[in-house]
Amino acid sequence: MQTEILFTVEEAPEGGYVARALGQGIFVQADTLPELREQVRDAVSCHFESGDKPRLIRLHFVRDEVLAA
């Protein structure tokens, strides 16, 4: 059983957020951060059997900024 699962979270180009689990086939989209958190919890619950479900879900927010020189 893994104790933690890590998701990378990015702002979607069309608005909202997308989250992808590293090392797992889990992908979710939502319009707001509270919705995203709920979607991630639900996806993890559906993806794992109850005994194999990670105890911690970590969200790593990734944001690119482009600066003009």
PDB file of N, CA and C in Angstrom:
ATOM      1  N   MET A   1       0.840  -1.182   0.000  1.00  0.00           N
ATOM      2  CA  MET A   1       0.000   0.000   0.000  1.00  0.00           C
ATOM      3  C   MET A   1       0.882   1.241   0.000  1.00  0.00           C
ATOM      4  N   GLN A   2       0.607   2.160  -0.902  1.00  0.00           N
ATOM      5  CA  GLN A   2       1.349   3.415  -0.877  1.00  0.00           C
ATOM      6  C   GLN A   2       0.674   4.363   0.098  1.00  0.00           C
ATOM      7  N   THR A   3       1.472   5.148   0.781  1.00  0.00           N
ATOM      8  CA  THR A   3       0.919   6.035   1.804  1.00  0.00           C
ATOM      9  C   THR A   3       0.512   7.389   1.234  1.00  0.00           C
ATOM     10  N   GLU A   4       0.994   7.719   0.024  1.00  0.00           N
ATOM     11  CA  GLU A   4       0.738   9.040  -0.528  1.00  0.00           C
ATOM     12  C   GLU A   4       0.621   8.969  -2.041  1.00  0.00           C
ATOM     13  N   ILE A   5      -0.223   9.814  -2.603  1.00  0.00           N
ATOM     14  CA  ILE A   5      -0.318   9.956  -4.053  1.00  0.00           C
ATOM     15  C   ILE A   5      -0.156  11.437  -4.373  1.00  0.00           C
ATOM     16  N   LEU A   6       0.571  11.718  -5.458  1.00  0.00           N
ATOM     17  CA  LEU A   6       0.890  13.094  -5.823  1.00  0.00           C
ATOM     18  C   LEU A   6       0.202  13.455  -7.129  1.00  0.00           C
ATOM     19  N   PHE A   7      -0.487  14.591  -7.137  1.00  0.00           N
ATOM     20  CA  PHE A   7      -1.116  15.139  -8.329  1.00  0.00           C
ATOM     21  C   PHE A   7      -0.427  16.448  -8.694  1.00  0.00           C
ATOM     22  N   THR A   8      -0.174  16.645  -9.987  1.00  0.00           N
ATOM     23  CA  THR A   8       0.239  17.957 -10.454  1.00  0.00           C
ATOM     24  C   THR A   8      -1.023  18.693 -10.888  1.00  0.00           C
ATOM     25  N   VAL A   9      -1.142  19.942 -10.499  1.00  0.00           N
ATOM     26  CA  VAL A   9      -2.325  20.748 -10.799  1.00  0.00           C
ATOM     27  C   VAL A   9      -1.880  21.952 -11.625  1.00  0.00           C
ATOM     28  N   GLU A  10      -2.569  22.165 -12.743  1.00  0.00           N
ATOM     29  CA  GLU A  10      -2.281  23.302 -13.611  1.00  0.00           C
ATOM     30  C   GLU A  10      -3.576  24.006 -13.971  1.00  0.00           C
ATOM     31  N   GLU A  11      -3.467  25.290 -14.272  1.00  0.00           N
ATOM     32  CA  GLU A  11      -4.617  26.012 -14.797  1.00  0.00           C
ATOM     33  C   GLU A  11      -4.831  25.569 -16.241  1.00  0.00           C
ATOM     34  N   ALA A  12      -6.072  25.260 -16.579  1.00  0.00           N
ATOM     35  CA  ALA A  12      -6.397  24.839 -17.941  1.00  0.00           C
ATOM     36  C   ALA A  12      -6.455  26.064 -18.853  1.00  0.00           C
ATOM     37  N   PRO A  13      -6.003  25.944 -20.110  1.00  0.00           N
ATOM     38  CA  PRO A  13      -6.034  27.082 -21.034  1.00  0.00           C
ATOM     39  C   PRO A  13      -7.449  27.650 -21.231  1.00  0.00           C
ATOM     40  N   GLU A  14      -8.453  26.781 -21.183  1.00  0.00           N
ATOM     41  CA  GLU A  14      -9.826  27.234 -21.386  1.00  0.00           C
ATOM     42  C   GLU A  14     -10.505  27.659 -20.093  1.00  0.00           C
ATOM     43  N   GLY A  15      -9.768  27.655 -19.002  1.00  0.00           N
ATOM     44  CA  GLY A  15     -10.301  28.026 -17.693  1.00  0.00           C
ATOM     45  C   GLY A  15     -10.440  26.815 -16.797  1.00  0.00           C
ATOM     46  N   GLY A  16     -10.435  27.028 -15.518  1.00  0.00           N
ATOM     47  CA  GLY A  16     -10.520  25.924 -14.566  1.00  0.00           C
ATOM     48  C   GLY A  16      -9.161  25.300 -14.309  1.00  0.00           C
ATOM     49  N   TYR A  17      -9.186  24.058 -13.854  1.00  0.00           N
ATOM     50  CA  TYR A  17      -7.966  23.369 -13.440  1.00  0.00           C
ATOM     51  C   TYR A  17      -7.978  21.930 -13.924  1.00  0.00           C
ATOM     52  N   VAL A  18      -6.774  21.393 -14.135  1.00  0.00           N
ATOM     53  CA  VAL A  18      -6.608  19.975 -14.440  1.00  0.00           C
ATOM     54  C   VAL A  18      -5.599  19.400 -13.456  1.00  0.00           C
ATOM     55  N   ALA A  19      -5.827  18.160 -13.057  1.00  0.00           N
ATOM     56  CA  ALA A  19      -4.920  17.474 -12.131  1.00  0.00           C
ATOM     57  C   ALA A  19      -4.616  16.086 -12.675  1.00  0.00           C
ATOM     58  N   ARG A  20      -3.340  15.714 -12.624  1.00  0.00           N
ATOM     59  CA  ARG A  20      -2.884  14.406 -13.088  1.00  0.00           C
ATOM     60  C   ARG A  20      -2.087  13.740 -11.977  1.00  0.00           C
ATOM     61  N   ALA A  21      -2.393  12.478 -11.721  1.00  0.00           N
ATOM     62  CA  ALA A  21      -1.657  11.719 -10.712  1.00  0.00           C
ATOM     63  C   ALA A  21      -0.367  11.188 -11.317  1.00  0.00           C
ATOM     64  N   LEU A  22       0.724  11.340 -10.609  1.00  0.00           N
ATOM     65  CA  LEU A  22       2.004  10.805 -11.075  1.00  0.00           C
ATOM     66  C   LEU A  22       2.041   9.309 -10.805  1.00  0.00           C
ATOM     67  N   GLY A  23       2.339   8.537 -11.850  1.00  0.00           N
ATOM     68  CA  GLY A  23       2.461   7.093 -11.699  1.00  0.00           C
ATOM     69  C   GLY A  23       1.137   6.345 -11.688  1.00  0.00           C
ATOM     70  N   GLN A  24       0.030   7.045 -11.896  1.00  0.00           N
ATOM     71  CA  GLN A  24      -1.294   6.418 -11.926  1.00  0.00           C
ATOM     72  C   GLN A  24      -2.065   6.992 -13.107  1.00  0.00           C
ATOM     73  N   GLY A  25      -3.057   6.292 -13.562  1.00  0.00           N
ATOM     74  CA  GLY A  25      -3.877   6.752 -14.673  1.00  0.00           C
ATOM     75  C   GLY A  25      -5.085   7.552 -14.203  1.00  0.00           C
ATOM     76  N   ILE A  26      -4.847   8.580 -13.411  1.00  0.00           N
ATOM     77  CA  ILE A  26      -5.942   9.389 -12.884  1.00  0.00           C
ATOM     78  C   ILE A  26      -5.788  10.817 -13.408  1.00  0.00           C
ATOM     79  N   PHE A  27      -6.874  11.332 -13.995  1.00  0.00           N
ATOM     80  CA  PHE A  27      -6.910  12.680 -14.547  1.00  0.00           C
ATOM     81  C   PHE A  27      -8.265  13.276 -14.212  1.00  0.00           C
ATOM     82  N   VAL A  28      -8.297  14.489 -13.675  1.00  0.00           N
ATOM     83  CA  VAL A  28      -9.567  15.154 -13.377  1.00  0.00           C
ATOM     84  C   VAL A  28      -9.513  16.612 -13.803  1.00  0.00           C
ATOM     85  N   GLN A  29     -10.695  17.171 -14.070  1.00  0.00           N
ATOM     86  CA  GLN A  29     -10.853  18.573 -14.430  1.00  0.00           C
ATOM     87  C   GLN A  29     -11.951  19.181 -13.573  1.00  0.00           C
ATOM     88  N   ALA A  30     -11.827  20.472 -13.271  1.00  0.00           N
ATOM     89  CA  ALA A  30     -12.865  21.174 -12.517  1.00  0.00           C
ATOM     90  C   ALA A  30     -12.754  22.668 -12.783  1.00  0.00           C
ATOM     91  N   ASP A  31     -13.854  23.371 -12.539  1.00  0.00           N
ATOM     92  CA  ASP A  31     -13.890  24.809 -12.751  1.00  0.00           C
ATOM     93  C   ASP A  31     -13.275  25.599 -11.601  1.00  0.00           C
ATOM     94  N   THR A  32     -13.378  25.074 -10.377  1.00  0.00           N
ATOM     95  CA  THR A  32     -12.878  25.782  -9.194  1.00  0.00           C
ATOM     96  C   THR A  32     -11.987  24.858  -8.376  1.00  0.00           C
ATOM     97  N   LEU A  33     -11.185  25.443  -7.493  1.00  0.00           N
ATOM     98  CA  LEU A  33     -10.325  24.619  -6.634  1.00  0.00           C
ATOM     99  C   LEU A  33     -11.120  23.729  -5.682  1.00  0.00           C
ATOM    100  N   PRO A  34     -12.196  24.218  -5.038  1.00  0.00           N
ATOM    101  CA  PRO A  34     -12.974  23.303  -4.192  1.00  0.00           C
ATOM    102  C   PRO A  34     -13.547  22.119  -4.976  1.00  0.00           C
ATOM    103  N   GLU A  35     -14.019  22.363  -6.199  1.00  0.00           N
ATOM    104  CA  GLU A  35     -14.515  21.272  -7.035  1.00  0.00           C
ATOM    105  C   GLU A  35     -13.392  20.315  -7.399  1.00  0.00           C
ATOM    106  N   LEU A  36     -12.208  20.854  -7.678  1.00  0.00           N
ATOM    107  CA  LEU A  36     -11.068  20.011  -8.031  1.00  0.00           C
ATOM    108  C   LEU A  36     -10.698  19.092  -6.870  1.00  0.00           C
ATOM    109  N   ARG A  37     -10.657  19.643  -5.673  1.00  0.00           N
ATOM    110  CA  ARG A  37     -10.328  18.821  -4.499  1.00  0.00           C
ATOM    111  C   ARG A  37     -11.333  17.682  -4.333  1.00  0.00           C
ATOM    112  N   GLU A  38     -12.605  17.982  -4.530  1.00  0.00           N
ATOM    113  CA  GLU A  38     -13.651  16.958  -4.420  1.00  0.00           C
ATOM    114  C   GLU A  38     -13.493  15.900  -5.512  1.00  0.00           C
ATOM    115  N   GLN A  39     -13.208  16.347  -6.744  1.00  0.00           N
ATOM    116  CA  GLN A  39     -13.018  15.414  -7.866  1.00  0.00           C
ATOM    117  C   GLN A  39     -11.806  14.503  -7.634  1.00  0.00           C
ATOM    118  N   VAL A  40     -10.727  15.073  -7.108  1.00  0.00           N
ATOM    119  CA  VAL A  40      -9.522  14.281  -6.837  1.00  0.00           C
ATOM    120  C   VAL A  40      -9.818  13.211  -5.789  1.00  0.00           C
ATOM    121  N   ARG A  41     -10.458  13.589  -4.698  1.00  0.00           N
ATOM    122  CA  ARG A  41     -10.795  12.603  -3.649  1.00  0.00           C
ATOM    123  C   ARG A  41     -11.674  11.488  -4.214  1.00  0.00           C
ATOM    124  N   ASP A  42     -12.670  11.863  -5.008  1.00  0.00           N
ATOM    125  CA  ASP A  42     -13.574  10.881  -5.594  1.00  0.00           C
ATOM    126  C   ASP A  42     -12.824   9.951  -6.550  1.00  0.00           C
ATOM    127  N   ALA A  43     -11.949  10.511  -7.390  1.00  0.00           N
ATOM    128  CA  ALA A  43     -11.186   9.709  -8.345  1.00  0.00           C
ATOM    129  C   ALA A  43     -10.258   8.728  -7.641  1.00  0.00           C
ATOM    130  N   VAL A  44      -9.606   9.162  -6.573  1.00  0.00           N
ATOM    131  CA  VAL A  44      -8.719   8.269  -5.819  1.00  0.00           C
ATOM    132  C   VAL A  44      -9.534   7.145  -5.184  1.00  0.00           C
ATOM    133  N   SER A  45     -10.682   7.465  -4.623  1.00  0.00           N
ATOM    134  CA  SER A  45     -11.540   6.439  -4.015  1.00  0.00           C
ATOM    135  C   SER A  45     -11.994   5.408  -5.043  1.00  0.00           C
ATOM    136  N   CYS A  46     -12.308   5.872  -6.264  1.00  0.00           N
ATOM    137  CA  CYS A  46     -12.752   4.951  -7.315  1.00  0.00           C
ATOM    138  C   CYS A  46     -11.610   4.123  -7.892  1.00  0.00           C
ATOM    139  N   HIS A  47     -10.422   4.684  -7.927  1.00  0.00           N
ATOM    140  CA  HIS A  47      -9.273   4.033  -8.568  1.00  0.00           C
ATOM    141  C   HIS A  47      -8.675   2.906  -7.719  1.00  0.00           C
ATOM    142  N   PHE A  48      -8.694   3.061  -6.397  1.00  0.00           N
ATOM    143  CA  PHE A  48      -8.047   2.099  -5.508  1.00  0.00           C
ATOM    144  C   PHE A  48      -9.072   1.276  -4.734  1.00  0.00           C
ATOM    145  N   GLU A  49      -8.709   0.043  -4.441  1.00  0.00           N
ATOM    146  CA  GLU A  49      -9.491  -0.769  -3.507  1.00  0.00           C
ATOM    147  C   GLU A  49      -9.350  -0.130  -2.130  1.00  0.00           C
ATOM    148  N   SER A  50     -10.297  -0.372  -1.256  1.00  0.00           N
ATOM    149  CA  SER A  50     -10.286   0.310   0.053  1.00  0.00           C
ATOM    150  C   SER A  50      -9.013   0.038   0.848  1.00  0.00           C
ATOM    151  N   GLY A  51      -8.449  -1.150   0.779  1.00  0.00           N
ATOM    152  CA  GLY A  51      -7.229  -1.459   1.517  1.00  0.00           C
ATOM    153  C   GLY A  51      -5.965  -0.900   0.892  1.00  0.00           C
ATOM    154  N   ASP A  52      -6.022  -0.561  -0.392  1.00  0.00           N
ATOM    155  CA  ASP A  52      -4.845  -0.051  -1.110  1.00  0.00           C
ATOM    156  C   ASP A  52      -4.855   1.461  -1.285  1.00  0.00           C
ATOM    157  N   LYS A  53      -5.910   2.114  -0.844  1.00  0.00           N
ATOM    158  CA  LYS A  53      -6.064   3.560  -1.033  1.00  0.00           C
ATOM    159  C   LYS A  53      -5.002   4.326  -0.225  1.00  0.00           C
ATOM    160  N   PRO A  54      -4.302   5.277  -0.864  1.00  0.00           N
ATOM    161  CA  PRO A  54      -3.307   6.081  -0.136  1.00  0.00           C
ATOM    162  C   PRO A  54      -3.971   6.886   0.979  1.00  0.00           C
ATOM    163  N   ARG A  55      -3.219   7.088   2.057  1.00  0.00           N
ATOM    164  CA  ARG A  55      -3.742   7.863   3.189  1.00  0.00           C
ATOM    165  C   ARG A  55      -3.671   9.361   2.928  1.00  0.00           C
ATOM    166  N   LEU A  56      -2.697   9.800   2.121  1.00  0.00           N
ATOM    167  CA  LEU A  56      -2.514  11.220   1.833  1.00  0.00           C
ATOM    168  C   LEU A  56      -2.609  11.481   0.338  1.00  0.00           C
ATOM    169  N   ILE A  57      -3.242  12.593  -0.008  1.00  0.00           N
ATOM    170  CA  ILE A  57      -3.285  13.072  -1.385  1.00  0.00           C
ATOM    171  C   ILE A  57      -2.588  14.431  -1.389  1.00  0.00           C
ATOM    172  N   ARG A  58      -1.522  14.518  -2.164  1.00  0.00           N
ATOM    173  CA  ARG A  58      -0.767  15.776  -2.232  1.00  0.00           C
ATOM    174  C   ARG A  58      -1.030  16.439  -3.585  1.00  0.00           C
ATOM    175  N   LEU A  59      -1.373  17.729  -3.551  1.00  0.00           N
ATOM    176  CA  LEU A  59      -1.582  18.509  -4.765  1.00  0.00           C
ATOM    177  C   LEU A  59      -0.396  19.457  -4.940  1.00  0.00           C
ATOM    178  N   HIS A  60       0.286  19.313  -6.062  1.00  0.00           N
ATOM    179  CA  HIS A  60       1.441  20.164  -6.379  1.00  0.00           C
ATOM    180  C   HIS A  60       1.017  21.115  -7.493  1.00  0.00           C
ATOM    181  N   PHE A  61       0.928  22.402  -7.179  1.00  0.00           N
ATOM    182  CA  PHE A  61       0.474  23.402  -8.140  1.00  0.00           C
ATOM    183  C   PHE A  61       1.643  23.877  -8.983  1.00  0.00           C
ATOM    184  N   VAL A  62       1.464  23.783 -10.301  1.00  0.00           N
ATOM    185  CA  VAL A  62       2.490  24.172 -11.267  1.00  0.00           C
ATOM    186  C   VAL A  62       1.966  25.356 -12.061  1.00  0.00           C
ATOM    187  N   ARG A  63       2.766  26.400 -12.137  1.00  0.00           N
ATOM    188  CA  ARG A  63       2.339  27.596 -12.869  1.00  0.00           C
ATOM    189  C   ARG A  63       3.527  28.165 -13.637  1.00  0.00           C
ATOM    190  N   ASP A  64       3.340  28.378 -14.902  1.00  0.00           N
ATOM    191  CA  ASP A  64       4.372  28.980 -15.747  1.00  0.00           C
ATOM    192  C   ASP A  64       4.120  30.467 -15.864  1.00  0.00           C
ATOM    193  N   GLU A  65       5.191  31.237 -15.771  1.00  0.00           N
ATOM    194  CA  GLU A  65       5.112  32.664 -16.018  1.00  0.00           C
ATOM    195  C   GLU A  65       6.117  33.011 -17.101  1.00  0.00           C
ATOM    196  N   VAL A  66       5.694  33.807 -18.031  1.00  0.00           N
ATOM    197  CA  VAL A  66       6.566  34.249 -19.106  1.00  0.00           C
ATOM    198  C   VAL A  66       6.783  35.741 -18.959  1.00  0.00           C
ATOM    199  N   LEU A  67       8.040  36.133 -18.901  1.00  0.00           N
ATOM    200  CA  LEU A  67       8.384  37.545 -18.753  1.00  0.00           C
ATOM    201  C   LEU A  67       9.047  38.034 -20.047  1.00  0.00           C
ATOM    202  N   ALA A  68       8.689  39.204 -20.481  1.00  0.00           N
ATOM    203  CA  ALA A  68       9.349  39.797 -21.637  1.00  0.00           C
ATOM    204  C   ALA A  68      10.694  40.363 -21.203  1.00  0.00           C
ATOM    205  N   ALA A  69      11.682  40.219 -22.035  1.00  0.00           N
ATOM    206  CA  ALA A  69      13.025  40.689 -21.701  1.00  0.00           C
ATOM    207  C   ALA A  69      13.165  42.176 -21.926  1.00  0.00           C
TER     208      ALA A  69
END
